[in-house]
Amino acid sequence: MKPDAEPERPPLVYVQGVGMIKTFADVLEEVKDFQVHPGDLLISTYPKSGTTWVSQVIDLIYKEGNVEKCSNEPIYQRVPFLEFAVEGVPKGIDLLRKAPRPCLIKTHLPVQLLPKSFWETDCKMIYVARNAKDVAVSYYYFYQMAKVHPDPGTWDEFLEKFMAGDISFGSWYDHVKGWWDKRNEHKMLYLFYEDLKENPQREIRKVMEFLERPPDDRLVEKIAHHTSFKEMQKNQMANYTSIPATIMDHSISPFMRKGITGDWKNKFTVAQNERFDADYKRQMEGTTLHFRTEI
């Protein structure tokens, strides 16, 4: 390797058949024994599904709309990422061990890899799902800029990997269906990214009611404003620009790229779309879970 060449990107490792970033997989033994508290709140998503957006919404709800309190630390410290482990940034599990309770917890883990304590403890969970086509496009650009991932290859190559589930955190299809099937067994609110885009205030009210917080009109309006894509894109405590460029290179693609529904139309060819639709129908057969690909 030439001295000025990019360091090689690590391959995925597989945990129970689920592709994982190697450093994330290495901490799963520690994560497995994590003890959640009943008052904690878990925010779960498949990557690129509105995790940071909803985390910021919920943090503002908890802090009663106090924007200054949400500006003291970056989002990954205010809402620690359970399985996160990358050199140069605090591990999620370490932040959570020190966090005052109750706390907010982020995860991208599929249901089968989530620590047992979450299922055994009466804590609330919020899951956010986004349509597969927009996730695939957003994830492709994220793979490029977040160097802990393997090289995504061409868009066509990445799309094949996405359909096969051979990417970080595994199959989108298994992930969204796995959490959907658990929604009635636990205190879980299952949200859709497209609903949030369509009517943020309505969905913020839904979250507040789930959290048993009175949905005051002015507070809802304030939270909707401060968590709009435009506001979050310029918020250094929410846009991940404080992460070292060796980990996330925003010059390749910003962490907050577009934040829209329907961007897949700018990326998918007609042939790719037809192939994707046929595969989607096969993989989602039998589920009551349905998505909108435009609003």
Protein backbone atom coordinates (compact mmCIF):
# COMPACT_ATOMS: atom_id res chain seq x y z
CA MET A 1 0.00 0.00 0.00
CA LYS A 2 1.32 3.43 -0.93
CA PRO A 3 1.88 5.80 2.01
CA ASP A 4 -0.78 8.22 0.74
CA ALA A 5 -3.30 5.51 -0.12
CA GLU A 6 -6.53 5.05 1.80
CA PRO A 7 -6.21 2.39 4.52
CA GLU A 8 -7.97 -0.82 3.61
CA ARG A 9 -11.55 -1.01 4.80
CA PRO A 10 -12.27 -3.96 7.09
CA PRO A 11 -14.59 -6.72 5.86
CA LEU A 12 -17.80 -7.48 7.72
CA VAL A 13 -17.87 -10.26 10.28
CA TYR A 14 -20.97 -12.36 10.84
CA VAL A 15 -22.79 -12.83 14.13
CA GLN A 16 -25.62 -15.37 13.96
CA GLY A 17 -25.64 -14.75 10.21
CA VAL A 18 -25.92 -10.96 10.57
CA GLY A 19 -23.17 -8.85 8.98
CA MET A 20 -21.50 -6.53 11.48
CA ILE A 21 -18.70 -3.97 11.47
CA LYS A 22 -15.83 -5.87 13.10
CA THR A 23 -15.29 -3.47 16.01
CA PHE A 24 -19.04 -3.53 16.74
CA ALA A 25 -19.07 -7.33 16.68
CA ASP A 26 -16.09 -7.37 19.06
CA VAL A 27 -18.11 -5.63 21.82
CA LEU A 28 -21.26 -7.74 21.47
CA GLU A 29 -20.15 -10.01 24.33
CA GLU A 30 -20.08 -6.94 26.60
CA VAL A 31 -23.32 -5.63 25.12
CA LYS A 32 -25.08 -8.97 25.65
CA ASP A 33 -24.89 -8.55 29.44
CA PHE A 34 -26.07 -4.92 29.46
CA GLN A 35 -28.78 -4.33 32.07
CA VAL A 36 -31.42 -1.89 30.96
CA HIS A 37 -33.43 -0.01 33.61
CA PRO A 38 -37.26 0.05 33.50
CA GLY A 39 -37.30 3.83 32.95
CA ASP A 40 -34.85 3.75 30.04
CA LEU A 41 -36.08 4.27 26.48
CA LEU A 42 -34.73 2.30 23.53
CA ILE A 43 -34.69 3.92 20.08
CA SER A 44 -34.23 1.23 17.48
CA THR A 45 -33.92 1.46 13.69
CA TYR A 46 -32.27 -0.12 10.72
CA PRO A 47 -29.47 2.27 9.63
CA LYS A 48 -30.44 5.36 7.61
CA SER A 49 -34.05 5.31 8.75
CA GLY A 50 -34.28 8.54 10.74
CA THR A 51 -32.46 7.44 13.90
CA THR A 52 -30.75 10.76 14.59
CA TRP A 53 -33.88 12.73 13.74
CA VAL A 54 -36.09 10.80 16.15
CA SER A 55 -33.34 10.77 18.81
CA GLN A 56 -33.21 14.57 18.67
CA VAL A 57 -37.01 14.78 18.85
CA ILE A 58 -37.09 12.56 21.94
CA ASP A 59 -34.18 14.32 23.64
CA LEU A 60 -36.03 17.63 23.19
CA ILE A 61 -39.21 16.06 24.60
CA TYR A 62 -37.29 14.85 27.66
CA LYS A 63 -35.70 18.29 28.07
CA GLU A 64 -39.06 20.04 27.60
CA GLY A 65 -37.93 21.86 24.47
CA ASN A 66 -34.80 23.35 26.06
CA VAL A 67 -32.61 23.70 22.97
CA GLU A 68 -29.57 24.85 24.98
CA LYS A 69 -29.60 21.65 27.06
CA CYS A 70 -29.57 19.67 23.80
CA SER A 71 -26.59 21.67 22.56
CA ASN A 72 -24.14 20.79 25.34
CA GLU A 73 -23.06 17.46 23.83
CA PRO A 74 -23.21 15.72 20.46
CA ILE A 75 -26.17 13.42 19.86
CA TYR A 76 -24.06 10.26 20.17
CA GLN A 77 -23.28 11.21 23.78
CA ARG A 78 -26.80 12.34 24.67
CA VAL A 79 -28.28 9.18 23.12
CA PRO A 80 -25.50 6.57 23.37
CA PHE A 81 -25.32 3.98 20.58
CA LEU A 82 -25.34 0.65 22.43
CA GLU A 83 -23.12 -1.42 20.12
CA PHE A 84 -20.93 1.42 18.82
CA ALA A 85 -17.19 0.84 19.08
CA VAL A 86 -14.71 2.77 16.93
CA GLU A 87 -11.26 3.89 18.00
CA GLY A 88 -11.11 7.61 18.77
CA VAL A 89 -14.73 7.91 19.95
CA PRO A 90 -16.18 6.73 23.31
CA LYS A 91 -17.77 3.27 23.16
CA GLY A 92 -21.54 3.28 23.48
CA ILE A 93 -21.54 0.65 26.22
CA ASP A 94 -19.09 2.75 28.30
CA LEU A 95 -21.24 5.86 27.95
CA LEU A 96 -24.33 3.91 29.00
CA ARG A 97 -22.66 2.45 32.08
CA LYS A 98 -21.95 6.00 33.29
CA ALA A 99 -25.23 7.55 32.15
CA PRO A 100 -27.66 8.88 34.77
CA ARG A 101 -30.93 6.99 34.76
CA PRO A 102 -33.38 7.00 33.10
CA CYS A 103 -31.52 7.35 29.80
CA LEU A 104 -32.05 7.16 26.05
CA ILE A 105 -30.40 4.27 24.21
CA LYS A 106 -29.91 3.88 20.46
CA THR A 107 -29.45 0.58 18.64
CA HIS A 108 -29.44 -0.83 15.12
CA LEU A 109 -29.43 -4.44 16.34
CA PRO A 110 -32.01 -6.87 14.94
CA VAL A 111 -34.32 -8.38 17.55
CA GLN A 112 -32.31 -11.61 17.90
CA LEU A 113 -29.10 -9.75 18.86
CA LEU A 114 -30.66 -7.32 21.35
CA PRO A 115 -29.59 -8.03 24.96
CA LYS A 116 -32.15 -10.15 26.83
CA SER A 117 -32.63 -7.54 29.53
CA PHE A 118 -34.57 -5.36 27.05
CA TRP A 119 -37.16 -8.11 26.58
CA GLU A 120 -37.22 -9.00 30.29
CA THR A 121 -37.47 -5.43 31.60
CA ASP A 122 -40.55 -3.26 31.29
CA CYS A 123 -38.79 -0.49 29.37
CA LYS A 124 -40.38 1.38 26.48
CA MET A 125 -39.14 1.05 22.90
CA ILE A 126 -39.59 3.20 19.82
CA TYR A 127 -38.83 1.67 16.43
CA VAL A 128 -38.56 3.76 13.26
CA ALA A 129 -38.85 2.15 9.84
CA ARG A 130 -38.21 3.70 6.42
CA ASN A 131 -39.02 2.32 2.98
CA ALA A 132 -36.38 -0.01 1.58
CA LYS A 133 -35.63 1.92 -1.60
CA ASP A 134 -34.74 5.16 0.15
CA VAL A 135 -32.79 3.25 2.81
CA ALA A 136 -30.74 1.49 0.12
CA VAL A 137 -29.80 4.78 -1.56
CA SER A 138 -29.00 6.57 1.70
CA TYR A 139 -27.02 3.58 3.00
CA TYR A 140 -24.95 3.47 -0.21
CA TYR A 141 -23.77 7.05 0.33
CA PHE A 142 -23.26 6.41 4.05
CA TYR A 143 -21.13 3.34 3.28
CA GLN A 144 -18.93 5.60 1.13
CA MET A 145 -18.36 8.25 3.80
CA ALA A 146 -18.30 6.09 6.96
CA LYS A 147 -15.01 4.29 6.55
CA VAL A 148 -15.70 1.60 9.12
CA HIS A 149 -17.75 -0.12 6.40
CA PRO A 150 -16.36 -2.24 3.59
CA ASP A 151 -16.04 -0.56 0.19
CA PRO A 152 -19.60 -0.41 -1.19
CA GLY A 153 -18.49 -0.92 -4.79
CA THR A 154 -20.73 0.45 -7.52
CA TRP A 155 -24.34 1.36 -6.85
CA ASP A 156 -25.46 -1.74 -8.75
CA GLU A 157 -23.16 -3.96 -6.67
CA PHE A 158 -24.34 -2.39 -3.42
CA LEU A 159 -28.00 -2.80 -4.37
CA GLU A 160 -27.43 -6.53 -4.93
CA LYS A 161 -25.81 -6.76 -1.48
CA PHE A 162 -28.73 -4.85 0.03
CA MET A 163 -31.27 -7.26 -1.45
CA ALA A 164 -29.20 -10.21 -0.23
CA GLY A 165 -28.86 -8.69 3.26
CA ASP A 166 -25.07 -8.89 2.97
CA ILE A 167 -24.43 -5.50 4.57
CA SER A 168 -23.86 -4.06 8.02
CA PHE A 169 -26.72 -5.01 10.39
CA GLY A 170 -27.96 -7.59 7.93
CA SER A 171 -31.19 -7.79 6.00
CA TRP A 172 -33.46 -4.73 6.02
CA TYR A 173 -36.38 -7.10 5.40
CA ASP A 174 -35.64 -9.29 8.42
CA HIS A 175 -34.96 -6.24 10.59
CA VAL A 176 -38.20 -4.34 9.97
CA LYS A 177 -40.29 -7.53 10.10
CA GLY A 178 -38.58 -8.79 13.26
CA TRP A 179 -39.36 -5.59 15.15
CA TRP A 180 -42.88 -5.40 13.66
CA ASP A 181 -43.65 -8.87 14.97
CA LYS A 182 -42.54 -7.83 18.48
CA ARG A 183 -44.59 -4.63 18.59
CA ASN A 184 -47.56 -6.07 20.49
CA GLU A 185 -45.50 -8.07 22.98
CA HIS A 186 -43.79 -5.04 24.54
CA LYS A 187 -44.33 -1.35 25.22
CA MET A 188 -43.36 -0.41 21.69
CA LEU A 189 -44.27 2.44 19.36
CA TYR A 190 -43.59 1.54 15.71
CA LEU A 191 -43.16 4.69 13.62
CA PHE A 192 -42.67 5.28 9.90
CA TYR A 193 -40.18 7.78 8.49
CA GLU A 194 -42.65 8.71 5.75
CA ASP A 195 -45.31 9.63 8.33
CA LEU A 196 -42.79 11.85 10.11
CA LYS A 197 -41.94 13.60 6.84
CA GLU A 198 -45.59 14.03 5.94
CA ASN A 199 -46.72 15.48 9.27
CA PRO A 200 -43.97 15.97 11.88
CA GLN A 201 -46.23 17.59 14.48
CA ARG A 202 -48.75 14.73 14.36
CA GLU A 203 -45.99 12.15 14.86
CA ILE A 204 -44.30 14.17 17.63
CA ARG A 205 -47.66 14.20 19.45
CA LYS A 206 -47.86 10.44 19.02
CA VAL A 207 -44.40 10.06 20.59
CA MET A 208 -45.28 12.39 23.47
CA GLU A 209 -48.48 10.48 24.21
CA PHE A 210 -46.56 7.19 24.16
CA LEU A 211 -44.07 8.70 26.63
CA GLU A 212 -46.95 10.01 28.76
CA ARG A 213 -45.90 13.62 28.25
CA PRO A 214 -48.66 16.18 27.68
CA PRO A 215 -48.47 17.24 23.99
CA ASP A 216 -48.52 21.01 24.49
CA ASP A 217 -49.12 22.82 21.16
CA ARG A 218 -46.30 25.33 21.52
CA LEU A 219 -43.82 22.67 22.61
CA VAL A 220 -44.76 20.42 19.69
CA GLU A 221 -44.33 23.32 17.27
CA LYS A 222 -40.96 24.23 18.79
CA ILE A 223 -39.67 20.66 18.62
CA ALA A 224 -40.86 20.28 15.02
CA HIS A 225 -38.99 23.46 14.06
CA HIS A 226 -35.71 22.54 15.76
CA THR A 227 -35.75 19.00 14.38
CA SER A 228 -36.51 19.98 10.79
CA PHE A 229 -33.93 18.71 8.30
CA LYS A 230 -32.74 22.26 7.60
CA GLU A 231 -32.13 22.97 11.30
CA MET A 232 -30.51 19.62 12.05
CA GLN A 233 -28.26 19.76 8.99
CA LYS A 234 -26.55 22.87 10.41
CA ASN A 235 -26.61 21.70 14.05
CA GLN A 236 -23.08 20.51 14.91
CA MET A 237 -24.42 18.65 17.94
CA ALA A 238 -26.68 16.56 15.66
CA ASN A 239 -24.99 16.33 12.24
CA TYR A 240 -21.96 14.20 13.22
CA THR A 241 -19.41 16.75 11.98
CA SER A 242 -17.70 16.42 15.38
CA ILE A 243 -16.73 12.81 14.52
CA PRO A 244 -13.13 12.58 13.18
CA ALA A 245 -12.89 12.65 9.36
CA THR A 246 -10.92 9.41 9.51
CA ILE A 247 -14.19 7.77 10.61
CA MET A 248 -16.80 9.85 8.76
CA ASP A 249 -15.62 11.86 5.76
CA HIS A 250 -18.27 14.50 5.09
CA SER A 251 -16.35 15.64 2.00
CA ILE A 252 -17.41 12.36 0.34
CA SER A 253 -21.05 12.66 1.38
CA PRO A 254 -22.57 14.56 4.32
CA PHE A 255 -24.09 12.49 7.13
CA MET A 256 -27.29 14.46 6.59
CA ARG A 257 -27.56 14.30 2.82
CA LYS A 258 -31.14 14.99 1.69
CA GLY A 259 -33.62 13.68 4.25
CA ILE A 260 -36.44 13.24 1.76
CA THR A 261 -38.85 10.52 0.69
CA GLY A 262 -38.62 9.36 -2.92
CA ASP A 263 -34.93 10.06 -3.58
CA TRP A 264 -34.66 6.49 -4.86
CA LYS A 265 -36.21 7.72 -8.13
CA ASN A 266 -33.00 9.66 -8.78
CA LYS A 267 -30.84 6.55 -8.38
CA PHE A 268 -32.69 3.41 -9.47
CA THR A 269 -32.70 2.53 -13.16
CA VAL A 270 -35.90 1.07 -14.61
CA ALA A 271 -34.29 -2.38 -14.69
CA GLN A 272 -33.05 -2.08 -11.09
CA ASN A 273 -36.49 -0.96 -9.94
CA GLU A 274 -38.23 -3.88 -11.63
CA ARG A 275 -35.77 -6.38 -10.17
CA PHE A 276 -36.03 -4.77 -6.72
CA ASP A 277 -39.85 -4.80 -6.77
CA ALA A 278 -39.97 -8.49 -7.67
CA ASP A 279 -37.48 -9.37 -4.93
CA TYR A 280 -39.29 -7.11 -2.43
CA LYS A 281 -42.60 -8.86 -3.10
CA ARG A 282 -40.96 -12.22 -2.43
CA GLN A 283 -39.20 -11.12 0.78
CA MET A 284 -42.20 -9.28 2.24
CA GLU A 285 -44.78 -11.94 1.40
CA GLY A 286 -47.06 -12.79 4.31
CA THR A 287 -46.35 -9.71 6.45
CA THR A 288 -48.93 -7.08 7.39
CA LEU A 289 -46.18 -4.45 7.29
CA HIS A 290 -46.56 -1.95 4.45
CA PHE A 291 -44.50 1.06 3.34
CA ARG A 292 -44.95 4.13 1.18
CA THR A 293 -42.16 4.94 -1.28
CA GLU A 294 -43.48 8.45 -1.92
CA ILE A 295 -45.67 10.95 -0.10
